[in-house]
N, C-alpha and C. Protein backbone atom coordinates (compact mmCIF):
# COMPACT_ATOMS: atom_id res chain seq x y z
N MET A 1 45.65 68.35 5.82
CA MET A 1 45.68 67.44 6.68
C MET A 1 46.75 65.91 6.54
N LEU A 2 46.94 65.78 5.31
CA LEU A 2 47.73 64.69 5.06
C LEU A 2 48.99 64.63 4.24
N ASN A 3 49.52 65.95 4.42
CA ASN A 3 50.41 66.62 3.37
C ASN A 3 51.87 65.95 4.14
N ASP A 4 51.48 65.40 5.03
CA ASP A 4 53.02 65.04 5.62
C ASP A 4 53.29 63.39 5.70
N VAL A 5 52.20 62.71 4.97
CA VAL A 5 52.00 61.39 4.42
C VAL A 5 53.73 61.13 3.94
N ARG A 6 54.04 59.79 4.18
CA ARG A 6 54.89 59.29 2.66
C ARG A 6 54.87 58.28 2.83
N ALA A 7 53.87 57.07 2.92
CA ALA A 7 53.82 55.92 2.22
C ALA A 7 52.11 55.84 2.19
N VAL A 8 51.56 55.19 1.46
CA VAL A 8 50.59 54.75 1.33
C VAL A 8 50.43 53.48 1.05
N ALA A 9 49.90 52.46 2.33
CA ALA A 9 49.56 50.94 1.88
C ALA A 9 48.06 50.76 1.81
N PHE A 10 47.97 49.81 1.46
CA PHE A 10 46.58 49.20 0.82
C PHE A 10 46.53 47.94 1.62
N ASP A 11 44.87 47.77 1.81
CA ASP A 11 44.77 46.14 1.92
C ASP A 11 43.88 45.88 0.38
N LEU A 12 43.79 44.54 0.08
CA LEU A 12 43.75 44.08 -1.40
C LEU A 12 42.41 43.90 -1.49
N ASP A 13 41.76 42.63 -1.16
CA ASP A 13 40.67 42.21 -1.29
C ASP A 13 39.42 43.17 -0.65
N ASN A 14 38.77 43.09 -1.75
CA ASN A 14 37.78 44.67 -1.99
C ASN A 14 38.02 45.80 -1.74
N THR A 15 39.37 45.96 -2.00
CA THR A 15 40.19 47.37 -1.91
C THR A 15 40.77 47.81 -3.51
N LEU A 16 41.15 46.52 -4.00
CA LEU A 16 41.88 46.70 -5.13
C LEU A 16 40.91 45.68 -6.25
N TRP A 17 40.33 44.75 -5.70
CA TRP A 17 39.81 44.01 -6.61
C TRP A 17 38.36 43.99 -5.81
N ASP A 18 37.49 42.89 -6.43
CA ASP A 18 36.26 42.53 -5.42
C ASP A 18 36.74 40.91 -5.56
N VAL A 19 36.37 40.52 -4.16
CA VAL A 19 36.71 39.16 -3.88
C VAL A 19 35.79 38.24 -3.86
N GLU A 20 34.31 38.62 -3.86
CA GLU A 20 33.33 37.16 -3.41
C GLU A 20 33.32 36.76 -4.75
N PRO A 21 33.24 37.13 -6.13
CA PRO A 21 33.29 36.00 -6.86
C PRO A 21 34.71 35.56 -7.27
N VAL A 22 35.67 36.16 -6.93
CA VAL A 22 36.84 35.11 -6.97
C VAL A 22 36.91 34.33 -6.11
N LEU A 23 36.77 34.32 -5.10
CA LEU A 23 36.45 33.12 -3.79
C LEU A 23 35.58 32.08 -4.64
N ALA A 24 34.60 32.28 -4.78
CA ALA A 24 33.42 31.69 -5.26
C ALA A 24 33.74 30.94 -6.42
N ARG A 25 34.28 31.26 -7.68
CA ARG A 25 35.26 30.65 -8.54
C ARG A 25 36.11 29.86 -8.21
N ALA A 26 37.33 30.22 -7.33
CA ALA A 26 38.07 29.28 -6.55
C ALA A 26 37.59 28.09 -5.89
N GLU A 27 36.48 28.13 -5.23
CA GLU A 27 36.03 27.04 -4.70
C GLU A 27 35.53 25.86 -5.29
N THR A 28 34.70 26.64 -6.71
CA THR A 28 34.64 25.48 -7.74
C THR A 28 35.23 25.19 -8.53
N ARG A 29 36.38 25.64 -8.60
CA ARG A 29 37.71 24.81 -9.67
C ARG A 29 38.44 23.77 -8.53
N LEU A 30 38.11 24.07 -7.38
CA LEU A 30 39.00 23.07 -6.18
C LEU A 30 37.87 21.98 -6.41
N LEU A 31 36.90 22.37 -6.11
CA LEU A 31 35.47 20.89 -6.15
C LEU A 31 35.65 20.11 -7.22
N GLU A 32 36.09 20.85 -8.62
CA GLU A 32 36.07 20.12 -10.20
C GLU A 32 37.28 18.87 -9.68
N TRP A 33 37.89 19.60 -9.57
CA TRP A 33 39.55 19.00 -8.94
C TRP A 33 39.53 18.01 -7.92
N LEU A 34 38.60 18.30 -6.78
CA LEU A 34 39.08 17.16 -5.87
C LEU A 34 37.36 16.04 -6.41
N HIS A 35 36.83 16.45 -7.29
CA HIS A 35 35.62 15.46 -8.06
C HIS A 35 36.60 14.37 -8.86
N GLN A 36 37.87 15.13 -9.60
CA GLN A 36 37.99 13.89 -10.45
C GLN A 36 39.52 13.47 -9.94
N HIS A 37 40.04 14.03 -9.28
CA HIS A 37 41.52 13.60 -8.18
C HIS A 37 40.57 12.58 -7.14
N CYS A 38 40.27 12.59 -6.36
CA CYS A 38 39.79 12.14 -5.28
C CYS A 38 38.19 12.54 -4.88
N PRO A 39 37.64 11.91 -5.45
CA PRO A 39 36.17 12.14 -5.17
C PRO A 39 35.32 11.51 -4.04
N ARG A 40 36.24 10.59 -3.24
CA ARG A 40 35.60 10.90 -1.76
C ARG A 40 35.17 11.56 -1.50
N ILE A 41 36.21 13.09 -1.49
CA ILE A 41 36.34 13.76 -0.72
C ILE A 41 34.87 14.87 -0.89
N PRO A 42 34.66 15.27 -2.30
CA PRO A 42 33.17 15.95 -2.33
C PRO A 42 32.24 14.90 -2.59
N GLU A 43 32.14 13.78 -2.33
CA GLU A 43 30.91 12.91 -2.22
C GLU A 43 30.68 13.22 -0.83
N GLN A 44 31.62 13.37 0.16
CA GLN A 44 31.61 13.13 1.60
C GLN A 44 31.39 14.38 2.37
N VAL A 45 32.22 15.37 1.66
CA VAL A 45 32.25 16.39 2.36
C VAL A 45 31.90 17.51 1.32
N SER A 46 30.74 18.70 1.60
CA SER A 46 30.25 19.56 0.82
C SER A 46 31.23 20.76 1.12
N LEU A 47 31.48 21.80 0.46
CA LEU A 47 32.05 23.06 0.74
C LEU A 47 31.44 23.48 2.14
N GLU A 48 30.42 23.32 2.55
CA GLU A 48 29.80 23.96 3.49
C GLU A 48 30.51 23.29 4.92
N ASP A 49 30.47 22.04 4.57
CA ASP A 49 31.27 21.51 5.52
C ASP A 49 33.17 21.70 5.52
N MET A 50 33.49 21.84 4.54
CA MET A 50 35.01 22.48 4.54
C MET A 50 34.40 23.52 5.08
N ARG A 51 34.34 24.72 4.84
CA ARG A 51 34.19 25.71 5.43
C ARG A 51 34.06 25.91 6.77
N ALA A 52 33.60 24.79 7.66
CA ALA A 52 33.54 24.64 8.80
C ALA A 52 34.00 24.05 9.51
N ALA A 53 35.02 23.34 8.78
CA ALA A 53 36.13 22.75 9.67
C ALA A 53 37.26 23.75 9.61
N ARG A 54 36.91 24.55 8.91
CA ARG A 54 38.47 25.26 8.83
C ARG A 54 38.26 26.24 10.10
N GLU A 55 36.75 26.74 10.54
CA GLU A 55 36.37 27.49 11.36
C GLU A 55 36.40 26.69 13.02
N GLU A 56 36.18 25.27 12.51
CA GLU A 56 36.18 24.57 14.00
C GLU A 56 38.27 24.39 14.42
N LEU A 57 38.96 24.35 13.00
CA LEU A 57 40.17 24.73 13.35
C LEU A 57 40.55 25.59 13.89
N ALA A 58 40.26 26.93 13.62
CA ALA A 58 40.55 28.20 13.93
C ALA A 58 39.98 28.14 15.63
N ARG A 59 39.00 27.53 15.66
CA ARG A 59 38.79 27.89 17.33
C ARG A 59 39.62 27.02 18.11
N ALA A 60 39.73 25.95 17.68
CA ALA A 60 40.84 25.06 18.49
C ALA A 60 42.33 25.35 18.25
N GLU A 61 42.76 26.14 17.58
CA GLU A 61 43.98 26.53 17.36
C GLU A 61 43.66 27.85 16.98
N PRO A 62 43.62 28.75 17.96
CA PRO A 62 43.79 30.18 17.98
C PRO A 62 44.73 31.10 17.38
N HIS A 63 46.49 30.32 17.75
CA HIS A 63 47.59 31.27 17.35
C HIS A 63 47.32 30.52 15.76
N ASN A 64 46.56 29.92 15.43
CA ASN A 64 47.05 29.96 13.66
C ASN A 64 45.40 30.31 12.99
N ALA A 65 44.67 31.21 14.00
CA ALA A 65 43.84 31.38 13.29
C ALA A 65 43.74 32.61 11.93
N HIS A 66 44.53 32.90 12.03
CA HIS A 66 44.80 34.26 11.23
C HIS A 66 45.36 33.89 10.03
N ASP A 67 46.09 32.48 9.59
CA ASP A 67 46.67 31.77 8.61
C ASP A 67 45.76 30.95 7.94
N VAL A 68 44.95 31.79 7.06
CA VAL A 68 43.80 31.44 5.83
C VAL A 68 44.66 30.39 5.26
N THR A 69 45.53 30.10 4.60
CA THR A 69 46.56 29.12 3.62
C THR A 69 46.41 27.79 5.00
N TYR A 70 47.00 28.17 6.37
CA TYR A 70 47.46 26.90 6.86
C TYR A 70 45.95 26.31 7.34
N LEU A 71 44.90 27.06 7.43
CA LEU A 71 43.68 26.56 7.96
C LEU A 71 42.97 25.77 6.89
N ARG A 72 43.54 26.15 5.31
CA ARG A 72 42.34 25.48 3.89
C ARG A 72 43.30 24.54 4.27
N LEU A 73 44.90 24.40 4.59
CA LEU A 73 45.47 22.93 3.94
C LEU A 73 45.57 21.90 5.03
N ALA A 74 45.37 22.33 6.68
CA ALA A 74 45.42 21.50 7.63
C ALA A 74 43.58 20.47 7.18
N ALA A 75 42.71 21.69 7.08
CA ALA A 75 41.34 21.04 7.07
C ALA A 75 41.44 19.79 5.88
N LEU A 76 42.23 20.44 4.54
CA LEU A 76 42.05 19.09 3.64
C LEU A 76 42.62 18.30 3.68
N GLU A 77 43.47 18.13 4.57
CA GLU A 77 44.62 17.05 4.93
C GLU A 77 43.33 16.22 5.84
N ARG A 78 42.85 16.71 6.79
CA ARG A 78 41.97 16.06 7.37
C ARG A 78 40.59 15.37 6.73
N HIS A 79 40.89 16.00 5.61
CA HIS A 79 39.39 15.60 4.85
C HIS A 79 40.06 14.25 4.04
N ALA A 80 41.05 14.45 3.89
CA ALA A 80 42.06 13.25 2.63
C ALA A 80 42.14 12.24 3.85
N ARG A 81 42.80 12.08 4.83
CA ARG A 81 43.04 11.37 6.00
C ARG A 81 41.34 10.34 5.73
N GLU A 82 40.26 11.81 6.43
CA GLU A 82 39.02 10.64 6.88
C GLU A 82 38.49 10.23 5.34
N CYS A 83 38.50 10.31 4.23
CA CYS A 83 37.97 9.75 2.90
C CYS A 83 39.19 8.23 2.35
N GLY A 84 40.29 8.44 3.11
CA GLY A 84 40.93 7.47 2.73
C GLY A 84 42.06 7.87 1.70
N TYR A 85 42.69 8.90 1.35
CA TYR A 85 43.83 9.26 1.00
C TYR A 85 45.15 9.92 1.76
N GLU A 86 45.61 10.05 0.91
CA GLU A 86 47.02 10.58 1.75
C GLU A 86 46.89 11.96 1.37
N GLU A 87 47.58 12.30 2.73
CA GLU A 87 47.67 13.66 3.20
C GLU A 87 48.08 14.71 1.98
N ASP A 88 49.10 14.35 1.47
CA ASP A 88 49.92 15.06 0.47
C ASP A 88 48.91 15.54 -1.15
N ILE A 89 47.40 15.17 -0.93
CA ILE A 89 46.84 15.53 -2.18
C ILE A 89 46.50 17.06 -1.59
N ALA A 90 46.08 17.17 -0.77
CA ALA A 90 46.28 18.24 0.31
C ALA A 90 46.88 19.55 -0.04
N ALA A 91 48.15 19.37 -0.69
CA ALA A 91 48.93 20.67 -1.19
C ALA A 91 48.86 20.78 -2.50
N ARG A 92 48.47 19.50 -3.29
CA ARG A 92 47.96 19.46 -4.84
C ARG A 92 46.72 20.47 -4.98
N ALA A 93 45.62 19.71 -4.34
CA ALA A 93 44.21 20.75 -4.01
C ALA A 93 44.50 22.20 -3.77
N PHE A 94 45.45 22.41 -2.72
CA PHE A 94 45.05 23.89 -2.30
C PHE A 94 45.84 24.43 -3.60
N GLU A 95 46.88 24.03 -4.37
CA GLU A 95 47.68 25.10 -5.02
C GLU A 95 46.31 25.35 -6.62
N VAL A 96 45.43 24.09 -6.77
CA VAL A 96 44.22 24.43 -7.48
C VAL A 96 43.68 25.98 -7.21
N PHE A 97 43.07 25.64 -5.79
CA PHE A 97 42.40 26.85 -5.15
C PHE A 97 43.45 28.04 -5.19
N LEU A 98 44.52 28.27 -5.02
CA LEU A 98 45.23 29.20 -5.07
C LEU A 98 45.48 29.95 -6.33
N ALA A 99 45.71 28.92 -7.10
CA ALA A 99 45.88 29.50 -9.07
C ALA A 99 44.57 30.42 -9.23
N ALA A 100 43.41 29.52 -8.70
CA ALA A 100 42.32 29.98 -9.07
C ALA A 100 42.27 31.71 -7.89
N ARG A 101 42.42 31.27 -6.91
CA ARG A 101 41.91 32.64 -5.98
C ARG A 101 43.24 34.04 -6.35
N CYS A 102 43.94 33.84 -7.27
CA CYS A 102 45.07 34.94 -7.76
C CYS A 102 44.17 35.13 -9.20
N GLU A 103 43.15 34.46 -9.96
CA GLU A 103 43.08 35.34 -10.75
C GLU A 103 41.72 36.43 -10.64
N VAL A 104 42.37 37.35 -10.34
CA VAL A 104 41.69 38.31 -9.94
C VAL A 104 41.19 39.77 -11.25
N GLU A 105 40.29 40.24 -11.32
CA GLU A 105 40.36 41.24 -12.15
C GLU A 105 40.56 42.76 -11.49
N VAL A 106 42.07 43.21 -11.63
CA VAL A 106 42.03 44.35 -10.75
C VAL A 106 41.29 45.52 -11.08
N LEU A 107 40.26 46.53 -10.30
CA LEU A 107 39.50 47.33 -10.63
C LEU A 107 40.37 48.37 -11.81
N PRO A 108 39.43 48.75 -12.65
CA PRO A 108 40.34 49.65 -13.57
C PRO A 108 40.93 51.12 -13.17
N ASP A 109 40.41 51.67 -11.65
CA ASP A 109 41.34 52.57 -11.43
C ASP A 109 42.88 52.39 -11.06
N VAL A 110 43.08 51.18 -10.45
CA VAL A 110 43.84 50.73 -9.80
C VAL A 110 44.89 50.88 -10.14
N ARG A 111 45.58 50.70 -11.52
CA ARG A 111 46.93 50.74 -11.91
C ARG A 111 47.34 52.01 -12.11
N PRO A 112 46.47 52.51 -12.60
CA PRO A 112 46.67 54.01 -12.66
C PRO A 112 47.31 54.84 -11.85
N ALA A 113 46.23 54.57 -10.52
CA ALA A 113 46.41 55.53 -9.62
C ALA A 113 47.53 54.85 -8.89
N LEU A 114 47.90 53.78 -9.02
CA LEU A 114 49.23 53.45 -8.28
C LEU A 114 50.28 54.13 -9.29
N SER A 115 50.59 54.16 -10.61
CA SER A 115 51.46 54.73 -10.79
C SER A 115 51.53 55.98 -10.56
N ARG A 116 50.55 57.08 -10.42
CA ARG A 116 50.28 58.43 -10.31
C ARG A 116 51.18 58.18 -8.48
N LEU A 117 50.86 57.84 -7.65
CA LEU A 117 51.09 57.62 -6.33
C LEU A 117 52.36 56.89 -5.99
N GLY A 118 52.88 56.24 -6.84
CA GLY A 118 54.18 55.65 -6.67
C GLY A 118 55.16 57.07 -7.01
N ARG A 119 55.07 57.65 -7.35
CA ARG A 119 55.88 59.08 -7.97
C ARG A 119 56.22 59.60 -7.27
N THR A 120 55.06 59.59 -5.87
CA THR A 120 55.24 60.60 -4.93
C THR A 120 55.78 60.03 -3.51
N PHE A 121 54.71 58.53 -3.37
CA PHE A 121 54.61 58.17 -2.02
C PHE A 121 55.30 56.14 -2.48
N THR A 122 56.26 56.31 -0.92
CA THR A 122 56.36 54.77 -0.88
C THR A 122 55.39 53.93 -0.91
N LEU A 123 54.90 53.41 -1.64
CA LEU A 123 53.68 52.15 -1.31
C LEU A 123 53.86 50.58 -1.17
N ALA A 124 53.10 50.23 -0.41
CA ALA A 124 53.01 49.15 0.25
C ALA A 124 51.49 48.33 0.64
N SER A 125 51.28 47.11 0.81
CA SER A 125 50.34 46.08 0.79
C SER A 125 50.20 45.48 2.41
N LEU A 126 49.24 45.64 2.55
CA LEU A 126 48.84 44.68 3.92
C LEU A 126 47.61 44.04 3.63
N SER A 127 47.56 42.99 4.21
CA SER A 127 46.57 41.92 3.85
C SER A 127 46.09 40.98 4.65
N ASN A 128 44.81 40.63 5.31
CA ASN A 128 44.40 39.18 5.97
C ASN A 128 44.82 37.94 4.97
N GLY A 129 44.61 38.75 3.82
CA GLY A 129 44.37 37.17 3.17
C GLY A 129 45.62 36.32 2.23
N ASN A 130 45.21 35.47 1.25
CA ASN A 130 46.42 35.16 0.73
C ASN A 130 46.66 35.09 -1.18
N ALA A 131 46.11 36.33 -1.39
CA ALA A 131 46.51 36.56 -2.92
C ALA A 131 47.95 36.68 -3.27
N ASP A 132 48.47 36.01 -4.19
CA ASP A 132 49.64 36.57 -4.55
C ASP A 132 50.13 37.30 -5.62
N LEU A 133 50.51 38.35 -5.00
CA LEU A 133 50.43 39.35 -6.15
C LEU A 133 51.56 39.58 -7.09
N GLY A 134 52.50 38.90 -6.87
CA GLY A 134 53.26 37.89 -8.14
C GLY A 134 52.70 37.52 -9.52
N ARG A 135 51.57 36.53 -8.68
CA ARG A 135 51.00 35.50 -9.85
C ARG A 135 49.55 36.95 -10.38
N ILE A 136 49.54 37.87 -9.86
CA ILE A 136 48.33 38.95 -10.31
C ILE A 136 49.09 39.99 -10.93
N GLY A 137 50.68 40.37 -10.74
CA GLY A 137 51.20 41.01 -11.67
C GLY A 137 51.29 42.37 -10.79
N LEU A 138 50.60 42.58 -9.44
CA LEU A 138 51.16 43.86 -8.84
C LEU A 138 52.16 43.86 -7.91
N ASP A 139 52.86 43.00 -7.88
CA ASP A 139 54.18 42.96 -6.96
C ASP A 139 54.81 43.94 -6.98
N SER A 140 55.40 44.37 -8.66
CA SER A 140 56.07 45.40 -8.62
C SER A 140 55.99 46.71 -8.41
N ALA A 141 54.58 46.89 -8.13
CA ALA A 141 54.03 48.67 -7.27
C ALA A 141 54.18 48.55 -5.92
N PHE A 142 54.70 47.96 -5.60
CA PHE A 142 55.13 48.32 -4.02
C PHE A 142 56.38 47.68 -3.67
N ALA A 143 56.73 48.46 -2.54
CA ALA A 143 57.97 48.37 -1.97
C ALA A 143 57.99 47.04 -0.81
N VAL A 144 56.78 46.70 -0.68
CA VAL A 144 56.78 46.34 1.02
C VAL A 144 55.24 45.32 0.57
N SER A 145 55.16 44.35 1.11
CA SER A 145 53.83 43.64 0.84
C SER A 145 53.97 42.75 2.06
N LEU A 146 53.15 42.84 2.43
CA LEU A 146 52.73 41.41 3.90
C LEU A 146 51.66 41.04 4.02
N ASN A 147 51.65 40.08 4.43
CA ASN A 147 49.50 39.53 4.88
C ASN A 147 50.25 38.73 5.93
N ALA A 148 49.22 38.77 6.36
CA ALA A 148 48.88 38.03 8.04
C ALA A 148 49.75 36.83 8.12
N ARG A 149 49.79 35.64 7.52
CA ARG A 149 50.75 34.48 7.33
C ARG A 149 52.71 35.06 7.87
N GLN A 150 53.07 36.33 6.76
CA GLN A 150 54.27 36.40 7.28
C GLN A 150 54.35 37.09 8.73
N ILE A 151 53.10 37.89 9.09
CA ILE A 151 53.59 38.86 10.42
C ILE A 151 53.43 37.64 11.48
N GLY A 152 52.36 36.85 11.44
CA GLY A 152 51.83 35.79 12.52
C GLY A 152 50.99 36.47 13.35
N ALA A 153 50.06 37.69 12.71
CA ALA A 153 49.05 38.01 13.02
C ALA A 153 48.08 38.61 12.30
N GLY A 154 46.87 38.86 12.83
CA GLY A 154 46.11 38.90 11.49
C GLY A 154 45.36 40.29 11.83
N LYS A 155 45.01 41.75 10.59
CA LYS A 155 44.49 42.35 11.30
C LYS A 155 43.17 42.12 12.34
N PRO A 156 42.55 42.99 13.52
CA PRO A 156 43.08 44.07 13.51
C PRO A 156 44.35 44.56 14.26
N ASP A 157 44.76 43.55 14.71
CA ASP A 157 46.11 42.99 15.38
C ASP A 157 47.26 44.28 15.23
N ARG A 158 47.56 45.13 16.15
CA ARG A 158 48.50 45.97 15.98
C ARG A 158 49.60 45.65 15.23
N ARG A 159 50.35 44.64 15.69
CA ARG A 159 51.51 43.76 15.36
C ARG A 159 51.28 43.96 14.12
N CYS A 160 50.33 44.00 13.12
CA CYS A 160 50.14 44.28 11.78
C CYS A 160 51.04 45.48 11.06
N PHE A 161 50.05 46.46 12.13
CA PHE A 161 50.99 47.65 11.26
C PHE A 161 51.86 48.56 12.07
N GLU A 162 52.66 47.77 13.23
CA GLU A 162 54.19 48.06 13.99
C GLU A 162 54.51 46.98 12.45
N ARG A 163 54.59 45.60 12.28
CA ARG A 163 55.38 45.33 11.55
C ARG A 163 55.70 46.14 9.83
N LEU A 164 54.28 46.98 9.33
CA LEU A 164 54.66 47.65 8.42
C LEU A 164 55.22 49.18 8.45
N ALA A 165 54.86 49.62 9.98
CA ALA A 165 55.95 50.47 9.76
C ALA A 165 57.84 50.33 9.69
N GLY A 166 57.73 49.02 10.60
CA GLY A 166 59.05 49.08 10.80
C GLY A 166 59.96 48.22 8.94
N GLU A 167 58.90 47.57 8.06
CA GLU A 167 59.96 47.44 7.29
C GLU A 167 59.67 48.34 6.20
N LEU A 168 59.02 49.34 6.33
CA LEU A 168 58.84 51.09 5.39
C LEU A 168 60.14 51.68 6.23
N GLN A 169 60.28 51.40 7.31
CA GLN A 169 61.02 52.34 8.27
C GLN A 169 60.56 53.33 8.03
N LEU A 170 59.52 53.66 8.83
CA LEU A 170 58.75 55.04 9.21
C LEU A 170 57.88 55.02 10.14
N ALA A 171 58.06 55.91 10.49
CA ALA A 171 57.11 56.48 12.16
C ALA A 171 55.51 55.89 11.27
N ALA A 172 54.67 55.34 12.45
CA ALA A 172 53.19 55.07 11.56
C ALA A 172 52.59 56.09 11.29
N ARG A 173 52.59 57.34 11.76
CA ARG A 173 52.12 58.32 11.44
C ARG A 173 52.38 59.22 9.99
N ASP A 174 53.12 58.30 9.83
CA ASP A 174 53.93 58.74 8.43
C ASP A 174 53.37 58.13 7.29
N ILE A 175 52.54 57.02 7.38
CA ILE A 175 51.35 56.00 6.60
C ILE A 175 50.28 56.04 7.00
N VAL A 176 49.73 56.32 5.40
CA VAL A 176 48.12 56.29 5.51
C VAL A 176 47.80 54.67 4.65
N TYR A 177 47.14 53.93 5.42
CA TYR A 177 46.70 52.76 5.38
C TYR A 177 45.04 52.62 4.37
N VAL A 178 44.69 52.01 3.81
CA VAL A 178 43.63 52.47 3.06
C VAL A 178 43.24 50.91 2.89
N GLY A 179 42.03 50.48 3.00
CA GLY A 179 41.05 49.28 3.26
C GLY A 179 39.65 49.66 3.24
N ASP A 180 38.74 48.62 2.92
CA ASP A 180 36.89 48.89 2.61
C ASP A 180 36.38 48.31 4.09
N ASP A 181 37.62 47.86 5.07
CA ASP A 181 36.65 47.32 6.40
C ASP A 181 36.76 48.34 7.25
N PRO A 182 35.52 49.02 7.96
CA PRO A 182 35.82 49.96 8.76
C PRO A 182 36.87 50.27 10.03
N TRP A 183 36.27 48.43 10.53
CA TRP A 183 36.92 47.92 12.10
C TRP A 183 38.25 47.34 11.20
N LEU A 184 38.69 46.52 10.52
CA LEU A 184 39.84 45.96 10.31
C LEU A 184 41.04 46.77 9.93
N ASP A 185 40.21 47.74 8.72
CA ASP A 185 41.25 48.77 8.25
C ASP A 185 41.45 49.89 8.74
N VAL A 186 40.41 50.71 8.81
CA VAL A 186 40.34 52.14 9.60
C VAL A 186 40.63 52.36 11.26
N ALA A 187 39.93 51.85 11.41
CA ALA A 187 40.23 51.49 13.34
C ALA A 187 41.69 51.15 13.48
N ALA A 188 41.84 50.02 13.00
CA ALA A 188 43.00 49.50 13.81
C ALA A 188 44.11 50.10 13.26
N ALA A 189 44.05 50.59 11.89
CA ALA A 189 45.04 51.18 11.72
C ALA A 189 45.34 52.60 12.24
N ARG A 190 43.88 52.89 12.69
CA ARG A 190 44.40 54.37 14.09
C ARG A 190 44.65 54.09 14.56
N ALA A 191 44.49 52.97 15.48
CA ALA A 191 44.55 52.50 17.04
C ALA A 191 46.53 52.19 16.50
N ALA A 192 46.65 52.16 15.82
CA ALA A 192 48.28 51.85 15.64
C ALA A 192 49.06 52.73 15.25
N GLY A 193 48.13 53.98 15.39
CA GLY A 193 49.40 55.39 14.89
C GLY A 193 48.95 55.92 13.50
N CYS A 194 48.71 55.17 12.86
CA CYS A 194 48.32 55.53 11.41
C CYS A 194 47.68 56.28 10.36
N ARG A 195 47.43 56.96 9.51
CA ARG A 195 46.65 58.01 9.41
C ARG A 195 45.60 56.70 8.23
N SER A 196 44.18 56.86 8.39
CA SER A 196 43.26 55.95 7.65
C SER A 196 42.93 56.59 6.66
N ALA A 197 42.47 55.36 5.54
CA ALA A 197 41.32 56.24 4.11
C ALA A 197 40.47 54.67 4.05
N TRP A 198 39.25 55.47 4.20
CA TRP A 198 38.41 54.23 3.68
C TRP A 198 38.03 54.36 2.60
N MET A 199 37.90 53.15 1.76
CA MET A 199 37.95 52.86 0.35
C MET A 199 36.86 52.46 0.17
N ASN A 200 35.35 53.14 -0.19
CA ASN A 200 34.39 53.08 0.04
C ASN A 200 33.21 52.46 -1.76
N ARG A 201 33.83 51.77 -2.02
CA ARG A 201 33.48 51.32 -3.48
C ARG A 201 32.01 51.33 -3.66
N ARG A 202 31.40 50.72 -2.77
CA ARG A 202 29.75 50.38 -2.81
C ARG A 202 29.40 51.34 -2.24
N ALA A 203 29.54 52.44 -1.79
CA ALA A 203 28.49 53.67 -1.31
C ALA A 203 27.51 52.77 -0.10
N SER A 204 28.15 52.42 0.71
CA SER A 204 28.11 52.03 2.37
C SER A 204 27.95 52.75 3.15
N ALA A 205 26.95 52.97 4.23
CA ALA A 205 27.02 53.98 5.47
C ALA A 205 27.82 53.59 6.13
N TRP A 206 28.44 54.42 6.60
CA TRP A 206 29.64 54.32 7.91
C TRP A 206 28.95 53.77 9.21
N PRO A 207 29.28 53.02 9.96
CA PRO A 207 29.19 52.56 10.93
C PRO A 207 28.99 53.70 12.12
N ALA A 208 27.32 53.94 12.51
CA ALA A 208 27.67 54.59 13.62
C ALA A 208 28.14 54.05 14.94
N GLY A 209 28.68 55.09 15.60
CA GLY A 209 29.14 55.40 16.91
C GLY A 209 31.08 55.17 16.50
N LEU A 210 31.36 55.03 15.12
CA LEU A 210 33.08 54.84 15.10
C LEU A 210 33.31 56.18 14.51
N ALA A 211 34.75 56.51 14.90
CA ALA A 211 35.20 57.88 14.49
C ALA A 211 35.50 57.37 13.14
N PRO A 212 35.33 58.68 11.84
CA PRO A 212 35.58 58.47 10.62
C PRO A 212 37.08 58.42 10.64
N ALA A 213 37.03 57.83 9.16
CA ALA A 213 38.32 57.78 8.57
C ALA A 213 38.61 59.11 8.39
N ASP A 214 40.35 59.65 8.69
CA ASP A 214 41.18 60.77 7.84
C ASP A 214 40.43 61.09 6.19
N LEU A 215 40.45 59.83 5.41
CA LEU A 215 39.72 59.88 4.01
C LEU A 215 38.95 59.40 3.71
N THR A 216 37.91 59.74 2.94
CA THR A 216 36.66 58.65 2.41
C THR A 216 36.48 59.22 1.08
N VAL A 217 36.80 57.87 0.27
CA VAL A 217 37.48 58.05 -1.20
C VAL A 217 36.16 56.86 -1.66
N ARG A 218 36.06 56.93 -3.15
CA ARG A 218 35.29 55.89 -4.01
C ARG A 218 35.92 54.97 -4.36
N ASP A 219 37.32 55.86 -5.08
CA ASP A 219 38.20 54.36 -6.04
C ASP A 219 39.61 55.09 -5.40
N CYS A 220 40.53 54.65 -6.24
CA CYS A 220 42.22 54.82 -6.10
C CYS A 220 41.96 56.19 -6.78
N SER A 221 41.37 56.43 -7.95
CA SER A 221 41.76 57.84 -8.53
C SER A 221 41.39 59.10 -7.45
N GLU A 222 40.29 58.72 -6.97
CA GLU A 222 40.40 60.08 -6.04
C GLU A 222 41.30 59.94 -4.96
N LEU A 223 41.71 58.83 -4.48
CA LEU A 223 42.52 59.40 -3.37
C LEU A 223 43.83 59.81 -4.13
N ALA A 224 44.42 59.61 -5.43
CA ALA A 224 45.56 59.93 -5.54
C ALA A 224 45.30 61.30 -5.67
N ALA A 225 44.05 61.57 -6.00
CA ALA A 225 43.27 63.02 -6.34
C ALA A 225 43.71 64.01 -5.01
N LEU A 226 43.41 63.60 -4.32
CA LEU A 226 42.99 63.78 -2.43
C LEU A 226 43.99 63.92 -1.67
N LEU A 227 45.45 63.11 -2.42
CA LEU A 227 46.91 63.24 -1.82
C LEU A 227 47.58 64.40 -2.85
N GLY A 228 47.31 64.17 -3.70
CA GLY A 228 48.04 65.53 -4.42
C GLY A 228 49.11 64.62 -5.80
N ALA A 229 48.48 63.61 -5.56
CA ALA A 229 49.59 62.81 -6.42
C ALA A 229 48.81 63.12 -8.12
């Protein structure tokens, strides 16, 4: 069914690595840095308050809601102002967060499978997040790497997949998009004309009433095998 695929594109978080422990550690590092360099912020603003501020900002500025970097930076600037610090401290704080956010443990099946797939297919990544593949050491695996901030929209917006196809210089149906989220990844890719593969690492149940992905795989090794790589 997928023997005419020419490119394989991947979501990142919870597809190539587990993101929840990464984000928890990054927020802990951020909080530690704030305590050391601008203690009035963590004394007055909890992590829950920071999260609520980002959510409020996303509602107030829906045109920026896809941009997690902007939301975090703008919210940190607001906290700095309200706590009597210069706004530029937000950029320093964000760099601490981002450095830790990029300390991911790529799952063991990923690199060998990307190597196999890369011999047959053009590889790409498309993410709503702000992981830096250069810092992670995976950038060389992908011919195209895109995120919501670059595109100006986040999945499930079809513009994400249209941009992906444009960068790859392929028709959407020539691309199989691989991700862990049934709606943001599978349903959204299908709606934009791509083929889809559900990365079901956690043995989750598929949502009732949602048409299945073209492929369902447990890891990247199984994906490579099913695609004949």
